[in-house]
Structures are given as C-alpha cells and as structure tokens.
Amino acid sequence: MGNSLHLAEDDETLKDADRDNPTHKGRTRAKDADLQVYGIQDVAQELGLTLRTLRFYEKEGLIAPQRVGSTRAYSRREIGRIQLILRGKRLGFSIKEIKEFLDLYDADPEHKEQMERLIARIRERLVDLKKQRSALDLTIDELTTIEVEAMAKLQR
C-alpha cells in the first residue's frame, strides 16, 4: 500500500489503499455489494500493525469495519482511513485530533471546515517542532563543547 496519502481524505486516497497492492490474500466479496473486503490479519500485516492496534482504532471510533458474522471485514475505505490515521500519528497529531479530522470529513461534504482546522493544527505543530529543533540544536552544541573540552583534558 502506498504512503502517498494525504491527511485530508478524498476518493483518490481511498482508491490508493487497494490499487497500490493488488496481491492481498484472504479477499472476500461482500454479498450485498461488489466490494472487496480484507480480514483483520491481512490488514494488520499489510500495514505493519498489531491486531490490538486495529481493535483500539475501532474502539476509539476511528474506523468501523463491517462484520461478517464475528469476523471484522475491512473495506478499501477503512484501509484508507487507517492509512490516514498512521500518517496523522507520524506527523505528531493525537488520536483525538485525528478523530476530529475524520469526523469533519464525514460531516462536511465540501471539507472546508476540515481544511481550516487542519491548517490551524499544522501551524500549531510547526511552532512546536521549531521550538523542539531549537532546543535540540542548543543541546547538540552544548554536548559538542563538553566533548571537545573532555578530549582536550584527556590529551594533557
């Protein structure tokens, strides 16, 4: 599955979830629609997640896989949502923030509010990351100075 997904969910994003990897094993067809679905183990393996993580996302309301009996069945749409969750986590967003973005997608067909909130959160995140980078640069400089001083003392 591709990593070229955007945090803002769209039809192309959801199509990418299946198109990028046509070799899924364990595919089944839903009876009521011509919709491919995947089992929890296949999704977990493909995305490098644990079953527990997928169940957590479901419990938190981030995804809602179909049920075929007692088996979870993940559609391409759910896989796309999981990829968006993972991207949001990589970018440093909390589960609560990611859920907010996904909920806005479902509630706002034009995605205007979603984009406005996303831009605001991105700006906040950038400010935080720049502060962290500044603190890291200071720490690196200080450690480098201490290293040079310690090496000089050893050579005396």
N, C-alpha and C. Protein backbone atom coordinates (compact mmCIF):
# COMPACT_ATOMS: atom_id res chain seq x y z
N MET A 1 0.84 -1.17 0.00
CA MET A 1 0.00 0.00 0.00
C MET A 1 0.88 1.23 0.00
N GLY A 2 0.46 2.26 -0.70
CA GLY A 2 1.30 3.44 -0.87
C GLY A 2 1.29 4.34 0.33
N ASN A 3 2.38 5.08 0.47
CA ASN A 3 2.47 6.07 1.53
C ASN A 3 2.22 7.46 1.01
N SER A 4 1.67 7.59 -0.20
CA SER A 4 1.48 8.88 -0.82
C SER A 4 0.10 9.45 -0.50
N LEU A 5 -0.44 9.12 0.67
CA LEU A 5 -1.77 9.57 1.02
C LEU A 5 -1.69 10.92 1.71
N HIS A 6 -2.77 11.67 1.60
CA HIS A 6 -2.88 12.96 2.25
C HIS A 6 -3.72 12.80 3.50
N LEU A 7 -3.50 13.66 4.49
CA LEU A 7 -4.29 13.60 5.71
C LEU A 7 -5.74 13.94 5.41
N ALA A 8 -5.97 14.79 4.44
CA ALA A 8 -7.34 15.09 4.03
C ALA A 8 -7.82 13.94 3.15
N GLU A 9 -8.85 13.29 3.58
CA GLU A 9 -9.35 12.10 2.91
C GLU A 9 -10.13 12.50 1.66
N ASP A 10 -9.91 11.80 0.56
CA ASP A 10 -10.70 12.02 -0.64
C ASP A 10 -10.85 10.70 -1.38
N ASP A 11 -11.64 10.70 -2.46
CA ASP A 11 -11.91 9.45 -3.16
C ASP A 11 -10.64 8.81 -3.69
N GLU A 12 -9.70 9.60 -4.21
CA GLU A 12 -8.45 9.05 -4.73
C GLU A 12 -7.64 8.41 -3.62
N THR A 13 -7.62 9.03 -2.44
CA THR A 13 -6.92 8.48 -1.30
C THR A 13 -7.45 7.09 -0.98
N LEU A 14 -8.75 6.98 -0.96
CA LEU A 14 -9.36 5.70 -0.60
C LEU A 14 -9.12 4.66 -1.68
N LYS A 15 -9.06 5.07 -2.93
CA LYS A 15 -8.77 4.13 -4.01
C LYS A 15 -7.33 3.63 -3.92
N ASP A 16 -6.40 4.51 -3.49
CA ASP A 16 -4.99 4.14 -3.37
C ASP A 16 -4.80 2.95 -2.43
N ALA A 17 -5.65 2.86 -1.42
CA ALA A 17 -5.48 1.81 -0.43
C ALA A 17 -5.48 0.42 -1.06
N ASP A 18 -6.26 0.22 -2.10
CA ASP A 18 -6.30 -1.09 -2.73
C ASP A 18 -5.44 -1.14 -3.98
N ARG A 19 -5.44 -0.08 -4.77
CA ARG A 19 -4.75 -0.09 -6.06
C ARG A 19 -3.26 -0.36 -5.90
N ASP A 20 -2.65 0.17 -4.84
CA ASP A 20 -1.21 0.05 -4.68
C ASP A 20 -0.75 -1.36 -4.33
N ASN A 21 -1.65 -2.22 -3.92
CA ASN A 21 -1.24 -3.58 -3.59
C ASN A 21 -2.32 -4.57 -4.01
N PRO A 22 -2.24 -5.05 -5.24
CA PRO A 22 -3.26 -5.98 -5.73
C PRO A 22 -3.03 -7.42 -5.27
N THR A 23 -2.05 -7.68 -4.41
CA THR A 23 -1.71 -9.05 -4.05
C THR A 23 -2.22 -9.47 -2.68
N HIS A 24 -3.26 -8.80 -2.16
CA HIS A 24 -3.79 -9.19 -0.86
C HIS A 24 -4.26 -10.63 -0.91
N LYS A 25 -4.00 -11.34 0.19
CA LYS A 25 -4.52 -12.69 0.33
C LYS A 25 -5.76 -12.63 1.20
N GLY A 26 -6.59 -13.63 1.13
CA GLY A 26 -7.75 -13.71 2.01
C GLY A 26 -8.87 -12.76 1.63
N ARG A 27 -8.95 -12.35 0.38
CA ARG A 27 -10.01 -11.46 -0.05
C ARG A 27 -11.34 -12.20 -0.05
N THR A 28 -12.35 -11.47 0.33
CA THR A 28 -13.70 -12.00 0.22
C THR A 28 -14.57 -10.92 -0.39
N ARG A 29 -15.68 -11.31 -0.94
CA ARG A 29 -16.62 -10.35 -1.53
C ARG A 29 -17.82 -10.22 -0.60
N ALA A 30 -18.22 -8.98 -0.34
CA ALA A 30 -19.43 -8.76 0.43
C ALA A 30 -20.62 -9.22 -0.40
N LYS A 31 -21.62 -9.79 0.22
CA LYS A 31 -22.76 -10.34 -0.51
C LYS A 31 -23.62 -9.26 -1.15
N ASP A 32 -23.82 -8.13 -0.45
CA ASP A 32 -24.75 -7.12 -0.92
C ASP A 32 -24.16 -6.16 -1.94
N ALA A 33 -22.87 -6.09 -2.06
CA ALA A 33 -22.24 -5.14 -2.99
C ALA A 33 -20.99 -5.77 -3.56
N ASP A 34 -20.57 -5.22 -4.67
CA ASP A 34 -19.33 -5.70 -5.29
C ASP A 34 -18.16 -4.97 -4.63
N LEU A 35 -17.96 -5.25 -3.35
CA LEU A 35 -16.98 -4.53 -2.54
C LEU A 35 -15.97 -5.54 -1.99
N GLN A 36 -14.70 -5.30 -2.26
CA GLN A 36 -13.70 -6.20 -1.71
C GLN A 36 -13.46 -5.84 -0.26
N VAL A 37 -13.33 -6.85 0.55
CA VAL A 37 -13.03 -6.65 1.96
C VAL A 37 -11.86 -7.55 2.35
N TYR A 38 -11.19 -7.16 3.42
CA TYR A 38 -9.99 -7.85 3.87
C TYR A 38 -10.13 -8.18 5.34
N GLY A 39 -9.56 -9.30 5.75
CA GLY A 39 -9.59 -9.70 7.15
C GLY A 39 -8.63 -8.90 7.99
N ILE A 40 -8.84 -8.92 9.29
CA ILE A 40 -8.04 -8.13 10.22
C ILE A 40 -6.55 -8.51 10.16
N GLN A 41 -6.26 -9.79 10.02
CA GLN A 41 -4.86 -10.22 9.98
C GLN A 41 -4.17 -9.71 8.72
N ASP A 42 -4.88 -9.74 7.59
CA ASP A 42 -4.30 -9.25 6.34
C ASP A 42 -4.01 -7.75 6.42
N VAL A 43 -4.96 -7.01 6.98
CA VAL A 43 -4.78 -5.56 7.11
C VAL A 43 -3.63 -5.25 8.06
N ALA A 44 -3.60 -5.93 9.19
CA ALA A 44 -2.54 -5.71 10.17
C ALA A 44 -1.17 -5.99 9.56
N GLN A 45 -1.05 -7.11 8.87
CA GLN A 45 0.23 -7.48 8.26
C GLN A 45 0.63 -6.48 7.18
N GLU A 46 -0.30 -6.11 6.34
CA GLU A 46 -0.01 -5.19 5.24
C GLU A 46 0.43 -3.82 5.73
N LEU A 47 -0.18 -3.36 6.81
CA LEU A 47 0.12 -2.02 7.32
C LEU A 47 1.15 -2.02 8.44
N GLY A 48 1.61 -3.21 8.83
CA GLY A 48 2.62 -3.30 9.88
C GLY A 48 2.08 -2.94 11.25
N LEU A 49 0.83 -3.32 11.51
CA LEU A 49 0.18 -3.02 12.78
C LEU A 49 -0.13 -4.30 13.52
N THR A 50 -0.45 -4.16 14.80
CA THR A 50 -0.90 -5.31 15.56
C THR A 50 -2.42 -5.37 15.50
N LEU A 51 -2.96 -6.54 15.78
CA LEU A 51 -4.41 -6.69 15.84
C LEU A 51 -4.97 -5.79 16.94
N ARG A 52 -4.22 -5.69 18.01
CA ARG A 52 -4.63 -4.85 19.14
C ARG A 52 -4.78 -3.39 18.71
N THR A 53 -3.86 -2.91 17.88
CA THR A 53 -3.93 -1.53 17.39
C THR A 53 -5.19 -1.31 16.57
N LEU A 54 -5.49 -2.24 15.66
CA LEU A 54 -6.70 -2.11 14.85
C LEU A 54 -7.95 -2.13 15.72
N ARG A 55 -7.97 -2.98 16.72
CA ARG A 55 -9.12 -3.03 17.63
C ARG A 55 -9.23 -1.73 18.43
N PHE A 56 -8.08 -1.16 18.81
CA PHE A 56 -8.07 0.12 19.52
C PHE A 56 -8.67 1.22 18.65
N TYR A 57 -8.26 1.29 17.39
CA TYR A 57 -8.81 2.30 16.49
C TYR A 57 -10.32 2.14 16.35
N GLU A 58 -10.77 0.91 16.32
CA GLU A 58 -12.21 0.65 16.23
C GLU A 58 -12.90 1.11 17.51
N LYS A 59 -12.33 0.76 18.66
CA LYS A 59 -12.91 1.15 19.95
C LYS A 59 -12.99 2.67 20.09
N GLU A 60 -11.99 3.38 19.55
CA GLU A 60 -11.95 4.84 19.63
C GLU A 60 -12.85 5.51 18.59
N GLY A 61 -13.47 4.71 17.73
CA GLY A 61 -14.38 5.26 16.73
C GLY A 61 -13.70 5.83 15.50
N LEU A 62 -12.43 5.50 15.30
CA LEU A 62 -11.70 6.00 14.13
C LEU A 62 -12.04 5.20 12.88
N ILE A 63 -12.32 3.93 13.07
CA ILE A 63 -12.71 3.06 11.96
C ILE A 63 -13.92 2.24 12.38
N ALA A 64 -14.63 1.75 11.41
CA ALA A 64 -15.82 0.92 11.70
C ALA A 64 -15.89 -0.19 10.67
N PRO A 65 -15.06 -1.23 10.84
CA PRO A 65 -15.10 -2.33 9.88
C PRO A 65 -16.46 -3.02 9.90
N GLN A 66 -16.81 -3.55 8.74
CA GLN A 66 -18.05 -4.33 8.66
C GLN A 66 -17.85 -5.61 9.46
N ARG A 67 -18.95 -6.25 9.77
CA ARG A 67 -18.89 -7.55 10.43
C ARG A 67 -19.51 -8.59 9.52
N VAL A 68 -18.80 -9.66 9.34
CA VAL A 68 -19.32 -10.83 8.63
C VAL A 68 -19.32 -11.92 9.68
N GLY A 69 -20.48 -12.08 10.33
CA GLY A 69 -20.54 -12.94 11.50
C GLY A 69 -19.77 -12.25 12.61
N SER A 70 -18.78 -12.93 13.16
CA SER A 70 -17.96 -12.32 14.21
C SER A 70 -16.63 -11.81 13.66
N THR A 71 -16.45 -11.91 12.35
CA THR A 71 -15.19 -11.51 11.71
C THR A 71 -15.26 -10.06 11.24
N ARG A 72 -14.20 -9.31 11.52
CA ARG A 72 -14.10 -7.94 11.02
C ARG A 72 -13.71 -7.99 9.55
N ALA A 73 -14.40 -7.18 8.75
CA ALA A 73 -14.13 -7.12 7.32
C ALA A 73 -13.83 -5.66 6.97
N TYR A 74 -12.62 -5.41 6.51
CA TYR A 74 -12.16 -4.06 6.21
C TYR A 74 -12.30 -3.76 4.73
N SER A 75 -13.01 -2.70 4.41
CA SER A 75 -13.15 -2.26 3.02
C SER A 75 -11.94 -1.39 2.66
N ARG A 76 -11.84 -1.07 1.37
CA ARG A 76 -10.77 -0.17 0.93
C ARG A 76 -10.89 1.17 1.64
N ARG A 77 -12.11 1.61 1.88
CA ARG A 77 -12.33 2.88 2.58
C ARG A 77 -11.74 2.82 3.99
N GLU A 78 -11.98 1.72 4.71
CA GLU A 78 -11.44 1.60 6.07
C GLU A 78 -9.91 1.54 6.03
N ILE A 79 -9.36 0.85 5.07
CA ILE A 79 -7.90 0.78 4.94
C ILE A 79 -7.35 2.18 4.66
N GLY A 80 -8.03 2.93 3.81
CA GLY A 80 -7.62 4.31 3.55
C GLY A 80 -7.67 5.15 4.82
N ARG A 81 -8.71 4.97 5.62
CA ARG A 81 -8.80 5.71 6.90
C ARG A 81 -7.67 5.31 7.84
N ILE A 82 -7.33 4.04 7.88
CA ILE A 82 -6.22 3.59 8.73
C ILE A 82 -4.92 4.24 8.26
N GLN A 83 -4.71 4.32 6.96
CA GLN A 83 -3.50 4.97 6.45
C GLN A 83 -3.48 6.44 6.83
N LEU A 84 -4.63 7.09 6.82
CA LEU A 84 -4.70 8.49 7.24
C LEU A 84 -4.38 8.62 8.73
N ILE A 85 -4.87 7.68 9.53
CA ILE A 85 -4.57 7.66 10.97
C ILE A 85 -3.06 7.54 11.17
N LEU A 86 -2.44 6.62 10.45
CA LEU A 86 -1.00 6.40 10.59
C LEU A 86 -0.21 7.64 10.17
N ARG A 87 -0.65 8.27 9.09
CA ARG A 87 0.03 9.49 8.64
C ARG A 87 -0.12 10.59 9.68
N GLY A 88 -1.33 10.73 10.22
CA GLY A 88 -1.55 11.73 11.26
C GLY A 88 -0.67 11.49 12.47
N LYS A 89 -0.52 10.23 12.87
CA LYS A 89 0.36 9.90 14.00
C LYS A 89 1.81 10.24 13.68
N ARG A 90 2.26 9.90 12.47
CA ARG A 90 3.63 10.21 12.06
C ARG A 90 3.91 11.71 12.11
N LEU A 91 2.88 12.50 11.80
CA LEU A 91 3.02 13.95 11.80
C LEU A 91 2.86 14.55 13.20
N GLY A 92 2.59 13.70 14.18
CA GLY A 92 2.54 14.15 15.56
C GLY A 92 1.18 14.55 16.08
N PHE A 93 0.12 14.22 15.34
CA PHE A 93 -1.22 14.54 15.80
C PHE A 93 -1.69 13.48 16.78
N SER A 94 -2.49 13.89 17.75
CA SER A 94 -3.03 12.95 18.74
C SER A 94 -4.19 12.16 18.11
N ILE A 95 -4.55 11.07 18.75
CA ILE A 95 -5.69 10.27 18.30
C ILE A 95 -6.95 11.14 18.30
N LYS A 96 -7.09 11.97 19.32
CA LYS A 96 -8.25 12.86 19.40
C LYS A 96 -8.31 13.81 18.20
N GLU A 97 -7.16 14.40 17.84
CA GLU A 97 -7.12 15.31 16.70
C GLU A 97 -7.41 14.57 15.39
N ILE A 98 -6.86 13.38 15.24
CA ILE A 98 -7.10 12.59 14.03
C ILE A 98 -8.58 12.25 13.92
N LYS A 99 -9.19 11.86 15.03
CA LYS A 99 -10.62 11.56 15.03
C LYS A 99 -11.42 12.79 14.61
N GLU A 100 -11.03 13.94 15.11
CA GLU A 100 -11.71 15.19 14.76
C GLU A 100 -11.63 15.43 13.25
N PHE A 101 -10.46 15.23 12.65
CA PHE A 101 -10.30 15.40 11.20
C PHE A 101 -11.20 14.43 10.44
N LEU A 102 -11.20 13.17 10.86
CA LEU A 102 -12.01 12.17 10.18
C LEU A 102 -13.51 12.44 10.34
N ASP A 103 -13.91 12.87 11.54
CA ASP A 103 -15.32 13.20 11.78
C ASP A 103 -15.75 14.38 10.93
N LEU A 104 -14.86 15.37 10.79
CA LEU A 104 -15.19 16.53 9.96
C LEU A 104 -15.36 16.12 8.51
N TYR A 105 -14.57 15.18 8.06
CA TYR A 105 -14.70 14.70 6.68
C TYR A 105 -16.10 14.14 6.45
N ASP A 106 -16.56 13.35 7.41
CA ASP A 106 -17.88 12.74 7.28
C ASP A 106 -19.00 13.78 7.37
N ALA A 107 -18.80 14.83 8.18
CA ALA A 107 -19.86 15.82 8.44
C ALA A 107 -19.91 16.95 7.41
N ASP A 108 -18.78 17.26 6.80
CA ASP A 108 -18.70 18.43 5.91
C ASP A 108 -18.38 17.98 4.50
N PRO A 109 -19.39 17.87 3.63
CA PRO A 109 -19.16 17.34 2.28
C PRO A 109 -18.19 18.18 1.45
N GLU A 110 -18.07 19.47 1.74
CA GLU A 110 -17.14 20.32 0.99
C GLU A 110 -15.75 20.34 1.61
N HIS A 111 -15.62 19.80 2.82
CA HIS A 111 -14.34 19.66 3.53
C HIS A 111 -13.70 21.00 3.87
N LYS A 112 -14.46 22.10 3.83
CA LYS A 112 -13.91 23.41 4.14
C LYS A 112 -13.48 23.49 5.61
N GLU A 113 -14.38 23.11 6.51
CA GLU A 113 -14.06 23.18 7.94
C GLU A 113 -12.89 22.25 8.27
N GLN A 114 -12.86 21.08 7.64
CA GLN A 114 -11.76 20.14 7.86
C GLN A 114 -10.44 20.77 7.47
N MET A 115 -10.41 21.41 6.32
CA MET A 115 -9.17 22.03 5.84
C MET A 115 -8.75 23.20 6.74
N GLU A 116 -9.71 23.99 7.19
CA GLU A 116 -9.39 25.12 8.07
C GLU A 116 -8.79 24.62 9.38
N ARG A 117 -9.40 23.59 9.96
CA ARG A 117 -8.87 23.03 11.22
C ARG A 117 -7.52 22.37 10.99
N LEU A 118 -7.38 21.69 9.86
CA LEU A 118 -6.10 21.05 9.56
C LEU A 118 -5.00 22.09 9.45
N ILE A 119 -5.27 23.19 8.76
CA ILE A 119 -4.27 24.25 8.62
C ILE A 119 -3.90 24.82 9.99
N ALA A 120 -4.89 25.05 10.84
CA ALA A 120 -4.62 25.58 12.18
C ALA A 120 -3.75 24.61 12.98
N ARG A 121 -4.09 23.33 12.93
CA ARG A 121 -3.32 22.32 13.68
C ARG A 121 -1.90 22.19 13.13
N ILE A 122 -1.77 22.25 11.81
CA ILE A 122 -0.44 22.17 11.19
C ILE A 122 0.42 23.34 11.66
N ARG A 123 -0.15 24.51 11.68
CA ARG A 123 0.61 25.69 12.14
C ARG A 123 1.05 25.54 13.58
N GLU A 124 0.14 25.05 14.43
CA GLU A 124 0.50 24.81 15.84
C GLU A 124 1.62 23.79 15.94
N ARG A 125 1.51 22.74 15.18
CA ARG A 125 2.53 21.67 15.20
C ARG A 125 3.87 22.18 14.73
N LEU A 126 3.86 23.01 13.69
CA LEU A 126 5.11 23.58 13.18
C LEU A 126 5.79 24.46 14.22
N VAL A 127 5.02 25.25 14.95
CA VAL A 127 5.58 26.08 16.02
C VAL A 127 6.24 25.19 17.06
N ASP A 128 5.54 24.13 17.48
CA ASP A 128 6.09 23.22 18.48
C ASP A 128 7.37 22.55 17.99
N LEU A 129 7.35 22.08 16.75
CA LEU A 129 8.53 21.40 16.20
C LEU A 129 9.72 22.34 16.07
N LYS A 130 9.48 23.57 15.70
CA LYS A 130 10.57 24.55 15.59
C LYS A 130 11.18 24.84 16.95
N LYS A 131 10.35 24.91 18.00
CA LYS A 131 10.86 25.08 19.36
C LYS A 131 11.71 23.88 19.76
N GLN A 132 11.22 22.67 19.44
CA GLN A 132 11.97 21.47 19.77
C GLN A 132 13.29 21.43 19.03
N ARG A 133 13.28 21.82 17.75
CA ARG A 133 14.51 21.83 16.97
C ARG A 133 15.51 22.80 17.57
N SER A 134 15.02 23.94 18.00
CA SER A 134 15.89 24.94 18.62
C SER A 134 16.52 24.38 19.90
N ALA A 135 15.70 23.72 20.72
CA ALA A 135 16.20 23.12 21.95
C ALA A 135 17.22 22.02 21.64
N LEU A 136 16.95 21.22 20.61
CA LEU A 136 17.90 20.17 20.21
C LEU A 136 19.22 20.76 19.73
N ASP A 137 19.15 21.82 18.94
CA ASP A 137 20.37 22.48 18.45
C ASP A 137 21.22 22.98 19.62
N LEU A 138 20.58 23.58 20.62
CA LEU A 138 21.30 24.05 21.80
C LEU A 138 21.96 22.89 22.55
N THR A 139 21.21 21.79 22.70
CA THR A 139 21.74 20.62 23.40
C THR A 139 22.91 20.02 22.63
N ILE A 140 22.79 19.92 21.32
CA ILE A 140 23.88 19.38 20.49
C ILE A 140 25.12 20.26 20.61
N ASP A 141 24.93 21.58 20.55
CA ASP A 141 26.06 22.50 20.69
C ASP A 141 26.74 22.33 22.05
N GLU A 142 25.93 22.24 23.10
CA GLU A 142 26.49 22.09 24.44
C GLU A 142 27.23 20.78 24.59
N LEU A 143 26.66 19.69 24.10
CA LEU A 143 27.32 18.39 24.18
C LEU A 143 28.62 18.38 23.38
N THR A 144 28.61 19.02 22.23
CA THR A 144 29.82 19.10 21.40
C THR A 144 30.92 19.85 22.15
N THR A 145 30.55 20.95 22.80
CA THR A 145 31.52 21.73 23.58
C THR A 145 32.10 20.89 24.71
N ILE A 146 31.25 20.19 25.43
CA ILE A 146 31.70 19.34 26.54
C ILE A 146 32.61 18.24 26.03
N GLU A 147 32.26 17.65 24.88
CA GLU A 147 33.08 16.59 24.29
C GLU A 147 34.47 17.12 23.97
N VAL A 148 34.54 18.28 23.32
CA VAL A 148 35.83 18.88 22.94
C VAL A 148 36.66 19.18 24.19
N GLU A 149 36.03 19.74 25.23
CA GLU A 149 36.74 20.04 26.48
C GLU A 149 37.26 18.77 27.15
N ALA A 150 36.43 17.72 27.17
CA ALA A 150 36.84 16.46 27.80
C ALA A 150 37.99 15.83 27.04
N MET A 151 37.94 15.87 25.71
CA MET A 151 39.03 15.30 24.90
C MET A 151 40.32 16.09 25.12
N ALA A 152 40.22 17.40 25.26
CA ALA A 152 41.40 18.24 25.49
C ALA A 152 42.03 17.90 26.85
N LYS A 153 41.21 17.66 27.87
CA LYS A 153 41.73 17.32 29.19
C LYS A 153 42.43 15.96 29.16
N LEU A 154 41.89 15.02 28.39
CA LEU A 154 42.50 13.70 28.29
C LEU A 154 43.87 13.77 27.61
N GLN A 155 44.05 14.66 26.68
CA GLN A 155 45.30 14.76 25.92
C GLN A 155 46.40 15.48 26.72
N ARG A 156 46.08 16.09 27.82
CA ARG A 156 47.09 16.80 28.63
C ARG A 156 47.91 15.88 29.44
